[in-house]
PDB file of N, CA and C in Angstrom:
ATOM      1  N   MET A   1     106.306  86.215  99.658  1.00  0.00           N
ATOM      2  CA  MET A   1     104.850  85.944  99.743  1.00  0.00           C
ATOM      3  C   MET A   1     104.179  86.750  98.557  1.00  0.00           C
ATOM      4  N   ASN A   2     103.306  86.123  97.750  1.00  0.00           N
ATOM      5  CA  ASN A   2     102.757  86.725  96.620  1.00  0.00           C
ATOM      6  C   ASN A   2     101.357  87.447  97.003  1.00  0.00           C
ATOM      7  N   ASP A   3     100.794  88.131  96.224  1.00  0.00           N
ATOM      8  CA  ASP A   3      99.465  88.892  96.403  1.00  0.00           C
ATOM      9  C   ASP A   3      98.359  87.904  96.800  1.00  0.00           C
ATOM     10  N   GLN A   4      98.118  86.793  96.226  1.00  0.00           N
ATOM     11  CA  GLN A   4      97.183  85.924  96.526  1.00  0.00           C
ATOM     12  C   GLN A   4      97.428  85.417  98.048  1.00  0.00           C
ATOM     13  N   ALA A   5      98.663  85.102  98.404  1.00  0.00           N
ATOM     14  CA  ALA A   5      98.921  84.644  99.784  1.00  0.00           C
ATOM     15  C   ALA A   5      98.511  85.787 100.764  1.00  0.00           C
ATOM     16  N   ILE A   6      98.897  86.901 100.540  1.00  0.00           N
ATOM     17  CA  ILE A   6      98.470  88.062 101.313  1.00  0.00           C
ATOM     18  C   ILE A   6      96.961  88.180 101.519  1.00  0.00           C
ATOM     19  N   GLU A   7      96.320  87.993 100.415  1.00  0.00           N
ATOM     20  CA  GLU A   7      94.961  88.294 100.313  1.00  0.00           C
ATOM     21  C   GLU A   7      94.235  87.236 101.266  1.00  0.00           C
ATOM     22  N   GLN A   8      94.881  85.848 101.137  1.00  0.00           N
ATOM     23  CA  GLN A   8      94.215  84.868 102.050  1.00  0.00           C
ATOM     24  C   GLN A   8      94.492  85.205 103.527  1.00  0.00           C
ATOM     25  N   GLU A   9      95.655  85.583 103.816  1.00  0.00           N
ATOM     26  CA  GLU A   9      95.920  86.033 105.351  1.00  0.00           C
ATOM     27  C   GLU A   9      94.938  87.085 105.764  1.00  0.00           C
ATOM     28  N   ILE A  10      94.733  88.145 104.766  1.00  0.00           N
ATOM     29  CA  ILE A  10      93.897  89.417 105.189  1.00  0.00           C
ATOM     30  C   ILE A  10      92.351  88.792 105.477  1.00  0.00           C
ATOM     31  N   GLN A  11      92.005  87.763 104.537  1.00  0.00           N
ATOM     32  CA  GLN A  11      90.732  87.245 104.985  1.00  0.00           C
ATOM     33  C   GLN A  11      90.591  86.433 105.995  1.00  0.00           C
ATOM     34  N   ALA A  12      91.556  85.696 106.288  1.00  0.00           N
ATOM     35  CA  ALA A  12      91.770  84.754 107.384  1.00  0.00           C
ATOM     36  C   ALA A  12      91.619  85.547 108.784  1.00  0.00           C
ATOM     37  N   LYS A  13      92.280  86.775 108.764  1.00  0.00           N
ATOM     38  CA  LYS A  13      92.243  87.611 110.050  1.00  0.00           C
ATOM     39  C   LYS A  13      90.901  88.370 110.158  1.00  0.00           C
ATOM     40  N   GLY A  14      89.985  88.257 109.081  1.00  0.00           N
ATOM     41  CA  GLY A  14      88.775  88.898 109.233  1.00  0.00           C
ATOM     42  C   GLY A  14      89.033  90.419 109.029  1.00  0.00           C
ATOM     43  N   LEU A  15      89.850  90.919 108.120  1.00  0.00           N
ATOM     44  CA  LEU A  15      90.186  92.303 107.935  1.00  0.00           C
ATOM     45  C   LEU A  15      89.040  92.669 106.816  1.00  0.00           C
ATOM     46  N   THR A  16      87.932  93.467 107.067  1.00  0.00           N
ATOM     47  CA  THR A  16      86.915  93.421 106.021  1.00  0.00           C
ATOM     48  C   THR A  16      86.697  95.094 105.548  1.00  0.00           C
ATOM     49  N   ALA A  17      87.506  96.076 106.093  1.00  0.00           N
ATOM     50  CA  ALA A  17      87.254  97.232 105.763  1.00  0.00           C
ATOM     51  C   ALA A  17      87.758  97.303 104.163  1.00  0.00           C
ATOM     52  N   PRO A  18      87.275  98.718 103.660  1.00  0.00           N
ATOM     53  CA  PRO A  18      87.499  98.694 102.170  1.00  0.00           C
ATOM     54  C   PRO A  18      89.069  98.566 101.789  1.00  0.00           C
ATOM     55  N   ARG A  19      89.302  97.846 100.857  1.00  0.00           N
ATOM     56  CA  ARG A  19      90.518  97.593 100.421  1.00  0.00           C
ATOM     57  C   ARG A  19      90.649  97.295  98.956  1.00  0.00           C
ATOM     58  N   VAL A  20      91.925  97.581  98.415  1.00  0.00           N
ATOM     59  CA  VAL A  20      92.108  96.910  96.883  1.00  0.00           C
ATOM     60  C   VAL A  20      92.418  95.557  97.100  1.00  0.00           C
ATOM     61  N   THR A  21      91.984  94.565  96.280  1.00  0.00           N
ATOM     62  CA  THR A  21      92.311  93.198  96.240  1.00  0.00           C
ATOM     63  C   THR A  21      92.937  92.908  94.940  1.00  0.00           C
ATOM     64  N   PRO A  22      93.528  91.630  95.063  1.00  0.00           N
ATOM     65  CA  PRO A  22      94.071  91.300  93.749  1.00  0.00           C
ATOM     66  C   PRO A  22      93.056  90.997  92.466  1.00  0.00           C
ATOM     67  N   GLN A  23      91.849  90.535  92.844  1.00  0.00           N
ATOM     68  CA  GLN A  23      90.684  90.789  92.024  1.00  0.00           C
ATOM     69  C   GLN A  23      90.348  92.010  91.352  1.00  0.00           C
ATOM     70  N   ASP A  24      90.432  92.889  92.271  1.00  0.00           N
ATOM     71  CA  ASP A  24      90.391  94.466  91.614  1.00  0.00           C
ATOM     72  C   ASP A  24      91.532  94.936  90.624  1.00  0.00           C
ATOM     73  N   ILE A  25      92.592  94.590  90.913  1.00  0.00           N
ATOM     74  CA  ILE A  25      93.659  94.801  90.098  1.00  0.00           C
ATOM     75  C   ILE A  25      93.472  94.223  88.779  1.00  0.00           C
ATOM     76  N   GLU A  26      93.240  92.769  88.861  1.00  0.00           N
ATOM     77  CA  GLU A  26      92.989  92.123  87.511  1.00  0.00           C
ATOM     78  C   GLU A  26      91.890  92.596  86.760  1.00  0.00           C
ATOM     79  N   ALA A  27      90.625  93.071  87.459  1.00  0.00           N
ATOM     80  CA  ALA A  27      89.529  93.513  86.871  1.00  0.00           C
ATOM     81  C   ALA A  27      89.790  95.030  86.152  1.00  0.00           C
ATOM     82  N   ASN A  28      90.792  95.670  86.715  1.00  0.00           N
ATOM     83  CA  ASN A  28      91.200  96.845  86.226  1.00  0.00           C
ATOM     84  C   ASN A  28      92.239  96.869  84.927  1.00  0.00           C
ATOM     85  N   ILE A  29      92.540  95.669  84.653  1.00  0.00           N
ATOM     86  CA  ILE A  29      93.492  95.676  83.415  1.00  0.00           C
ATOM     87  C   ILE A  29      92.626  95.315  82.212  1.00  0.00           C
ATOM     88  N   LYS A  30      92.717  96.331  81.276  1.00  0.00           N
ATOM     89  CA  LYS A  30      91.961  96.215  80.092  1.00  0.00           C
ATOM     90  C   LYS A  30      92.743  95.395  78.969  1.00  0.00           C
ATOM     91  N   GLN A  31      94.158  95.811  78.848  1.00  0.00           N
ATOM     92  CA  GLN A  31      94.837  95.109  77.941  1.00  0.00           C
ATOM     93  C   GLN A  31      96.454  94.923  78.154  1.00  0.00           C
ATOM     94  N   GLU A  32      97.093  93.970  77.679  1.00  0.00           N
ATOM     95  CA  GLU A  32      98.421  93.692  77.918  1.00  0.00           C
ATOM     96  C   GLU A  32      99.318  93.714  76.674  1.00  0.00           C
ATOM     97  N   TYR A  33     100.368  94.147  76.570  1.00  0.00           N
ATOM     98  CA  TYR A  33     101.224  93.994  75.469  1.00  0.00           C
ATOM     99  C   TYR A  33     102.594  93.644  75.925  1.00  0.00           C
ATOM    100  N   TYR A  34     103.398  92.626  75.205  1.00  0.00           N
ATOM    101  CA  TYR A  34     104.657  92.315  75.506  1.00  0.00           C
ATOM    102  C   TYR A  34     105.584  92.408  74.408  1.00  0.00           C
ATOM    103  N   PHE A  35     106.790  92.807  74.604  1.00  0.00           N
ATOM    104  CA  PHE A  35     107.775  92.882  73.622  1.00  0.00           C
ATOM    105  C   PHE A  35     109.134  92.931  74.300  1.00  0.00           C
ATOM    106  N   THR A  36     110.070  92.463  73.464  1.00  0.00           N
ATOM    107  CA  THR A  36     111.526  92.720  73.973  1.00  0.00           C
ATOM    108  C   THR A  36     111.997  93.973  73.334  1.00  0.00           C
ATOM    109  N   ALA A  37     112.975  94.447  74.089  1.00  0.00           N
ATOM    110  CA  ALA A  37     113.801  95.915  73.558  1.00  0.00           C
ATOM    111  C   ALA A  37     114.319  95.462  72.039  1.00  0.00           C
ATOM    112  N   GLY A  38     114.643  94.293  71.851  1.00  0.00           N
ATOM    113  CA  GLY A  38     115.023  94.016  70.317  1.00  0.00           C
ATOM    114  C   GLY A  38     113.842  94.347  69.395  1.00  0.00           C
ATOM    115  N   GLU A  39     112.737  93.795  69.845  1.00  0.00           N
ATOM    116  CA  GLU A  39     111.500  94.054  68.908  1.00  0.00           C
ATOM    117  C   GLU A  39     111.224  95.432  68.804  1.00  0.00           C
ATOM    118  N   GLY A  40     111.321  96.116  69.861  1.00  0.00           N
ATOM    119  CA  GLY A  40     111.080  97.486  69.880  1.00  0.00           C
ATOM    120  C   GLY A  40     112.006  98.264  69.144  1.00  0.00           C
ATOM    121  N   TYR A  41     113.097  97.820  69.020  1.00  0.00           N
ATOM    122  CA  TYR A  41     114.360  98.652  68.218  1.00  0.00           C
ATOM    123  C   TYR A  41     113.889  98.297  66.688  1.00  0.00           C
ATOM    124  N   CYS A  42     113.495  97.004  66.528  1.00  0.00           N
ATOM    125  CA  CYS A  42     113.309  96.671  65.115  1.00  0.00           C
ATOM    126  C   CYS A  42     111.980  97.455  64.640  1.00  0.00           C
ATOM    127  N   GLY A  43     111.039  97.739  65.413  1.00  0.00           N
ATOM    128  CA  GLY A  43     109.812  98.417  65.076  1.00  0.00           C
ATOM    129  C   GLY A  43     110.348  99.981  64.726  1.00  0.00           C
ATOM    130  N   ALA A  44     111.032 100.619  65.712  1.00  0.00           N
ATOM    131  CA  ALA A  44     111.469 101.815  65.627  1.00  0.00           C
ATOM    132  C   ALA A  44     112.357 102.157  64.529  1.00  0.00           C
ATOM    133  N   THR A  45     113.213 101.255  64.113  1.00  0.00           N
ATOM    134  CA  THR A  45     114.214 101.475  63.134  1.00  0.00           C
ATOM    135  C   THR A  45     113.949 100.818  61.852  1.00  0.00           C
ATOM    136  N   GLY A  46     112.800 100.020  61.700  1.00  0.00           N
ATOM    137  CA  GLY A  46     112.327  99.279  60.513  1.00  0.00           C
ATOM    138  C   GLY A  46     113.272  98.169  59.984  1.00  0.00           C
ATOM    139  N   GLY A  47     114.388  97.882  61.141  1.00  0.00           N
ATOM    140  CA  GLY A  47     115.306  96.811  60.840  1.00  0.00           C
ATOM    141  C   GLY A  47     114.761  95.532  61.130  1.00  0.00           C
ATOM    142  N   LYS A  48     115.500  94.466  60.783  1.00  0.00           N
ATOM    143  CA  LYS A  48     115.129  93.167  61.145  1.00  0.00           C
ATOM    144  C   LYS A  48     116.167  92.450  62.125  1.00  0.00           C
ATOM    145  N   VAL A  49     117.428  93.207  62.415  1.00  0.00           N
ATOM    146  CA  VAL A  49     118.239  92.638  63.137  1.00  0.00           C
ATOM    147  C   VAL A  49     118.492  93.655  64.245  1.00  0.00           C
ATOM    148  N   TYR A  50     118.696  93.065  65.499  1.00  0.00           N
ATOM    149  CA  TYR A  50     118.863  93.991  66.519  1.00  0.00           C
ATOM    150  C   TYR A  50     120.237  93.473  67.471  1.00  0.00           C
ATOM    151  N   PRO A  51     120.984  94.168  68.242  1.00  0.00           N
ATOM    152  CA  PRO A  51     121.827  93.890  68.986  1.00  0.00           C
ATOM    153  C   PRO A  51     121.451  92.745  70.175  1.00  0.00           C
ATOM    154  N   SER A  52     122.163  91.688  70.264  1.00  0.00           N
ATOM    155  CA  SER A  52     121.560  90.627  70.999  1.00  0.00           C
ATOM    156  C   SER A  52     121.142  90.934  72.491  1.00  0.00           C
ATOM    157  N   ALA A  53     121.749  91.881  73.007  1.00  0.00           N
ATOM    158  CA  ALA A  53     121.523  92.330  74.431  1.00  0.00           C
ATOM    159  C   ALA A  53     120.067  92.787  74.640  1.00  0.00           C
ATOM    160  N   LEU A  54     119.573  93.298  73.465  1.00  0.00           N
ATOM    161  CA  LEU A  54     118.334  93.885  73.752  1.00  0.00           C
ATOM    162  C   LEU A  54     117.245  92.867  73.633  1.00  0.00           C
ATOM    163  N   GLY A  55     117.451  91.650  73.064  1.00  0.00           N
ATOM    164  CA  GLY A  55     116.787  90.555  73.289  1.00  0.00           C
ATOM    165  C   GLY A  55     116.428  90.065  74.688  1.00  0.00           C
ATOM    166  N   LEU A  56     117.217  90.520  75.408  1.00  0.00           N
ATOM    167  CA  LEU A  56     117.212  89.983  76.856  1.00  0.00           C
ATOM    168  C   LEU A  56     116.433  90.774  77.788  1.00  0.00           C
ATOM    169  N   LEU A  57     115.966  91.888  77.245  1.00  0.00           N
ATOM    170  CA  LEU A  57     114.966  92.969  78.003  1.00  0.00           C
ATOM    171  C   LEU A  57     113.736  92.753  77.543  1.00  0.00           C
ATOM    172  N   THR A  58     112.793  92.378  78.615  1.00  0.00           N
ATOM    173  CA  THR A  58     111.304  92.181  78.105  1.00  0.00           C
ATOM    174  C   THR A  58     110.407  93.132  78.896  1.00  0.00           C
ATOM    175  N   PHE A  59     109.592  93.859  78.029  1.00  0.00           N
ATOM    176  CA  PHE A  59     108.720  94.829  78.559  1.00  0.00           C
ATOM    177  C   PHE A  59     107.303  94.245  78.669  1.00  0.00           C
ATOM    178  N   CYS A  60     106.447  94.725  79.692  1.00  0.00           N
ATOM    179  CA  CYS A  60     105.035  94.552  79.673  1.00  0.00           C
ATOM    180  C   CYS A  60     104.435  95.921  79.824  1.00  0.00           C
ATOM    181  N   VAL A  61     103.485  95.998  78.920  1.00  0.00           N
ATOM    182  CA  VAL A  61     102.815  97.336  78.834  1.00  0.00           C
ATOM    183  C   VAL A  61     101.239  97.072  79.196  1.00  0.00           C
ATOM    184  N   ILE A  62     100.825  97.548  80.405  1.00  0.00           N
ATOM    185  CA  ILE A  62      99.600  97.346  80.698  1.00  0.00           C
ATOM    186  C   ILE A  62      98.620  98.510  80.636  1.00  0.00           C
ATOM    187  N   GLU A  63      97.422  98.487  79.881  1.00  0.00           N
ATOM    188  CA  GLU A  63      96.489  99.613  79.664  1.00  0.00           C
ATOM    189  C   GLU A  63      95.380  99.177  80.991  1.00  0.00           C
ATOM    190  N   LEU A  64      95.340 100.166  81.726  1.00  0.00           N
ATOM    191  CA  LEU A  64      94.205 100.039  82.755  1.00  0.00           C
ATOM    192  C   LEU A  64      92.931 100.475  82.160  1.00  0.00           C
ATOM    193  N   GLN A  65      91.740 100.300  82.694  1.00  0.00           N
ATOM    194  CA  GLN A  65      90.303 100.563  82.142  1.00  0.00           C
ATOM    195  C   GLN A  65      90.283 102.152  81.844  1.00  0.00           C
ATOM    196  N   SER A  66      90.816 102.741  82.730  1.00  0.00           N
ATOM    197  CA  SER A  66      90.764 104.181  82.469  1.00  0.00           C
ATOM    198  C   SER A  66      91.578 104.824  81.232  1.00  0.00           C
ATOM    199  N   GLY A  67      92.328 103.916  80.624  1.00  0.00           N
ATOM    200  CA  GLY A  67      93.343 104.314  79.745  1.00  0.00           C
ATOM    201  C   GLY A  67      94.737 104.760  80.027  1.00  0.00           C
ATOM    202  N   PHE A  68      95.007 104.712  81.475  1.00  0.00           N
ATOM    203  CA  PHE A  68      96.442 104.867  82.118  1.00  0.00           C
ATOM    204  C   PHE A  68      97.256 103.746  81.613  1.00  0.00           C
ATOM    205  N   ILE A  69      98.403 103.979  81.504  1.00  0.00           N
ATOM    206  CA  ILE A  69      99.458 103.067  81.231  1.00  0.00           C
ATOM    207  C   ILE A  69     100.439 102.818  82.360  1.00  0.00           C
ATOM    208  N   VAL A  70     100.747 101.367  82.577  1.00  0.00           N
ATOM    209  CA  VAL A  70     101.767 101.162  83.556  1.00  0.00           C
ATOM    210  C   VAL A  70     102.695 100.160  82.772  1.00  0.00           C
ATOM    211  N   THR A  71     104.013 100.212  83.210  1.00  0.00           N
ATOM    212  CA  THR A  71     104.991  99.307  82.561  1.00  0.00           C
ATOM    213  C   THR A  71     105.666  98.511  83.587  1.00  0.00           C
ATOM    214  N   GLY A  72     106.368  97.461  82.952  1.00  0.00           N
ATOM    215  CA  GLY A  72     107.311  96.673  83.921  1.00  0.00           C
ATOM    216  C   GLY A  72     108.229  95.953  82.822  1.00  0.00           C
ATOM    217  N   GLU A  73     109.202  95.603  83.617  1.00  0.00           N
ATOM    218  CA  GLU A  73     110.455  95.126  82.829  1.00  0.00           C
ATOM    219  C   GLU A  73     110.927  94.073  83.439  1.00  0.00           C
ATOM    220  N   SER A  74     111.673  93.181  82.633  1.00  0.00           N
ATOM    221  CA  SER A  74     112.527  92.037  83.064  1.00  0.00           C
ATOM    222  C   SER A  74     113.879  91.933  82.230  1.00  0.00           C
ATOM    223  N   ALA A  75     114.939  91.822  83.021  1.00  0.00           N
ATOM    224  CA  ALA A  75     116.247  91.882  82.262  1.00  0.00           C
ATOM    225  C   ALA A  75     116.920  90.536  82.755  1.00  0.00           C
ATOM    226  N   CYS A  76     117.447  89.789  81.715  1.00  0.00           N
ATOM    227  CA  CYS A  76     118.213  88.652  81.726  1.00  0.00           C
ATOM    228  C   CYS A  76     119.716  88.757  81.887  1.00  0.00           C
ATOM    229  N   ALA A  77     120.481  88.532  82.797  1.00  0.00           N
ATOM    230  CA  ALA A  77     121.849  88.788  82.635  1.00  0.00           C
ATOM    231  C   ALA A  77     122.489  87.884  81.929  1.00  0.00           C
ATOM    232  N   SER A  78     122.296  86.654  82.002  1.00  0.00           N
ATOM    233  CA  SER A  78     122.906  85.666  80.988  1.00  0.00           C
ATOM    234  C   SER A  78     122.011  85.179  79.926  1.00  0.00           C
ATOM    235  N   PRO A  79     122.567  85.291  78.696  1.00  0.00           N
ATOM    236  CA  PRO A  79     121.561  84.901  77.422  1.00  0.00           C
ATOM    237  C   PRO A  79     121.341  83.413  77.681  1.00  0.00           C
ATOM    238  N   GLU A  80     122.071  82.567  78.310  1.00  0.00           N
ATOM    239  CA  GLU A  80     121.773  80.951  78.368  1.00  0.00           C
ATOM    240  C   GLU A  80     120.559  80.986  79.267  1.00  0.00           C
ATOM    241  N   ASN A  81     120.317  81.813  80.004  1.00  0.00           N
ATOM    242  CA  ASN A  81     119.092  81.630  80.932  1.00  0.00           C
ATOM    243  C   ASN A  81     117.812  82.218  80.433  1.00  0.00           C
ATOM    244  N   PHE A  82     118.031  82.969  79.224  1.00  0.00           N
ATOM    245  CA  PHE A  82     116.733  83.706  78.959  1.00  0.00           C
ATOM    246  C   PHE A  82     115.736  82.762  78.373  1.00  0.00           C
ATOM    247  N   ASP A  83     114.429  82.996  79.048  1.00  0.00           N
ATOM    248  CA  ASP A  83     113.161  82.448  78.721  1.00  0.00           C
ATOM    249  C   ASP A  83     112.045  83.393  78.447  1.00  0.00           C
ATOM    250  N   ALA A  84     111.609  83.430  77.174  1.00  0.00           N
ATOM    251  CA  ALA A  84     110.622  84.471  76.875  1.00  0.00           C
ATOM    252  C   ALA A  84     109.264  84.579  77.641  1.00  0.00           C
ATOM    253  N   ASP A  85     108.890  83.156  78.000  1.00  0.00           N
ATOM    254  CA  ASP A  85     107.611  83.072  78.901  1.00  0.00           C
ATOM    255  C   ASP A  85     107.908  83.623  80.348  1.00  0.00           C
ATOM    256  N   LEU A  86     109.136  83.398  80.958  1.00  0.00           N
ATOM    257  CA  LEU A  86     109.525  83.611  82.064  1.00  0.00           C
ATOM    258  C   LEU A  86     109.606  85.176  82.259  1.00  0.00           C
ATOM    259  N   GLY A  87     110.318  85.772  81.234  1.00  0.00           N
ATOM    260  CA  GLY A  87     110.508  87.184  81.119  1.00  0.00           C
ATOM    261  C   GLY A  87     109.281  87.875  81.046  1.00  0.00           C
ATOM    262  N   ARG A  88     108.293  87.470  80.457  1.00  0.00           N
ATOM    263  CA  ARG A  88     106.870  88.167  80.292  1.00  0.00           C
ATOM    264  C   ARG A  88     106.269  88.093  81.640  1.00  0.00           C
ATOM    265  N   LYS A  89     106.349  86.955  82.335  1.00  0.00           N
ATOM    266  CA  LYS A  89     105.693  86.844  83.652  1.00  0.00           C
ATOM    267  C   LYS A  89     106.240  87.803  84.730  1.00  0.00           C
ATOM    268  N   ILE A  90     107.710  87.842  84.703  1.00  0.00           N
ATOM    269  CA  ILE A  90     108.323  88.778  85.537  1.00  0.00           C
ATOM    270  C   ILE A  90     108.121  90.236  85.220  1.00  0.00           C
ATOM    271  N   ALA A  91     108.019  90.416  83.967  1.00  0.00           N
ATOM    272  CA  ALA A  91     107.814  91.731  83.484  1.00  0.00           C
ATOM    273  C   ALA A  91     106.327  92.118  83.963  1.00  0.00           C
ATOM    274  N   ARG A  92     105.422  91.300  83.815  1.00  0.00           N
ATOM    275  CA  ARG A  92     103.865  91.536  84.250  1.00  0.00           C
ATOM    276  C   ARG A  92     103.822  91.908  85.811  1.00  0.00           C
ATOM    277  N   GLN A  93     104.492  90.964  86.433  1.00  0.00           N
ATOM    278  CA  GLN A  93     104.475  91.122  87.857  1.00  0.00           C
ATOM    279  C   GLN A  93     104.935  92.601  88.238  1.00  0.00           C
ATOM    280  N   ASN A  94     105.954  92.989  87.776  1.00  0.00           N
ATOM    281  CA  ASN A  94     106.641  94.295  87.989  1.00  0.00           C
ATOM    282  C   ASN A  94     105.693  95.283  87.621  1.00  0.00           C
ATOM    283  N   ALA A  95     104.898  95.220  86.345  1.00  0.00           N
ATOM    284  CA  ALA A  95     103.917  96.421  86.027  1.00  0.00           C
ATOM    285  C   ALA A  95     102.737  96.181  86.999  1.00  0.00           C
ATOM    286  N   VAL A  96     102.149  95.063  87.464  1.00  0.00           N
ATOM    287  CA  VAL A  96     101.369  94.983  88.434  1.00  0.00           C
ATOM    288  C   VAL A  96     101.437  95.662  89.672  1.00  0.00           C
ATOM    289  N   GLN A  97     102.826  95.670  90.197  1.00  0.00           N
ATOM    290  CA  GLN A  97     102.965  96.219  91.373  1.00  0.00           C
ATOM    291  C   GLN A  97     102.905  97.686  91.458  1.00  0.00           C
ATOM    292  N   LYS A  98     102.885  98.366  90.173  1.00  0.00           N
ATOM    293  CA  LYS A  98     102.771  99.727  90.045  1.00  0.00           C
ATOM    294  C   LYS A  98     101.253  99.889  90.068  1.00  0.00           C
ATOM    295  N   ILE A  99     100.429  99.187  89.786  1.00  0.00           N
ATOM    296  CA  ILE A  99      98.879  99.316  89.885  1.00  0.00           C
ATOM    297  C   ILE A  99      98.399  99.543  91.346  1.00  0.00           C
ATOM    298  N   TRP A 100      98.947  98.841  92.386  1.00  0.00           N
ATOM    299  CA  TRP A 100      98.382  98.887  93.707  1.00  0.00           C
ATOM    300  C   TRP A 100      98.427 100.356  94.299  1.00  0.00           C
ATOM    301  N   PRO A 101      99.622 100.958  94.221  1.00  0.00           N
ATOM    302  CA  PRO A 101      99.484 102.442  94.741  1.00  0.00           C
ATOM    303  C   PRO A 101      98.372 103.280  94.012  1.00  0.00           C
ATOM    304  N   LEU A 102      98.410 103.124  92.815  1.00  0.00           N
ATOM    305  CA  LEU A 102      97.340 103.883  92.107  1.00  0.00           C
ATOM    306  C   LEU A 102      95.912 103.665  92.456  1.00  0.00           C
ATOM    307  N   MET A 103      95.761 102.316  92.449  1.00  0.00           N
ATOM    308  CA  MET A 103      94.358 102.003  93.052  1.00  0.00           C
ATOM    309  C   MET A 103      94.112 102.358  94.327  1.00  0.00           C
ATOM    310  N   GLY A 104      95.046 102.095  95.255  1.00  0.00           N
ATOM    311  CA  GLY A 104      94.977 102.654  96.802  1.00  0.00           C
ATOM    312  C   GLY A 104      94.761 104.003  96.734  1.00  0.00           C
ATOM    313  N   TYR A 105      95.340 104.791  96.053  1.00  0.00           N
ATOM    314  CA  TYR A 105      95.163 106.153  96.248  1.00  0.00           C
ATOM    315  C   TYR A 105      93.728 106.572  95.756  1.00  0.00           C
ATOM    316  N   ALA A 106      93.118 105.929  94.717  1.00  0.00           N
ATOM    317  CA  ALA A 106      91.782 106.162  94.121  1.00  0.00           C
ATOM    318  C   ALA A 106      90.800 105.704  95.174  1.00  0.00           C
ATOM    319  N   LEU A 107      91.101 104.631  95.808  1.00  0.00           N
ATOM    320  CA  LEU A 107      90.260 104.011  96.953  1.00  0.00           C
ATOM    321  C   LEU A 107      90.089 105.148  98.144  1.00  0.00           C
ATOM    322  N   LYS A 108      91.378 105.671  98.573  1.00  0.00           N
ATOM    323  CA  LYS A 108      91.491 106.812  99.594  1.00  0.00           C
ATOM    324  C   LYS A 108      90.726 107.860  99.340  1.00  0.00           C
ATOM    325  N   GLU A 109      90.946 108.283  98.005  1.00  0.00           N
ATOM    326  CA  GLU A 109      90.141 109.638  97.485  1.00  0.00           C
ATOM    327  C   GLU A 109      88.576 109.352  97.569  1.00  0.00           C
ATOM    328  N   LYS A 110      88.121 108.340  97.196  1.00  0.00           N
ATOM    329  CA  LYS A 110      86.712 107.922  97.369  1.00  0.00           C
ATOM    330  C   LYS A 110      86.187 107.833  98.698  1.00  0.00           C
ATOM    331  N   LEU A 111      87.012 107.137  99.581  1.00  0.00           N
ATOM    332  CA  LEU A 111      86.630 107.138 101.096  1.00  0.00           C
ATOM    333  C   LEU A 111      86.704 108.594 101.625  1.00  0.00           C
ATOM    334  N   ALA A 112      87.652 109.438 101.255  1.00  0.00           N
ATOM    335  CA  ALA A 112      87.651 110.740 101.805  1.00  0.00           C
ATOM    336  C   ALA A 112      86.293 111.680 101.384  1.00  0.00           C
ATOM    337  N   ALA A 113      85.813 111.399 100.352  1.00  0.00           N
ATOM    338  CA  ALA A 113      84.860 111.999  99.661  1.00  0.00           C
ATOM    339  C   ALA A 113      83.367 111.609 100.466  1.00  0.00           C
ATOM    340  N   GLU A 114      83.465 110.481 100.901  1.00  0.00           N
ATOM    341  CA  GLU A 114      82.167 109.978 101.498  1.00  0.00           C
ATOM    342  C   GLU A 114      81.869 110.523 102.831  1.00  0.00           C
TER     343      GLU A 114
END
């Protein structure tokens, strides 16, 4: 079940108390960056060639509105199955999962202060 499906179920059940929504998460994303470990290796070493295994690890770096950074990654076991677009989607999904507890904590702090 994905985040949108869960949100639909929450709405269908009439649960209206303050909560973090998928829309809140998306609105909190300021910038996204994607690269493979191979590209990072070349950037760090100034080289143009990297070990092939590093091309199978994709990173997503998300900068939140506050400037805080979260990361996600996606690793492909078989080079034949590597798909750059799919790797970016999975890496982003893994990064977004790290935003939920951060925003949940911020909301709880706000509610406790009220």
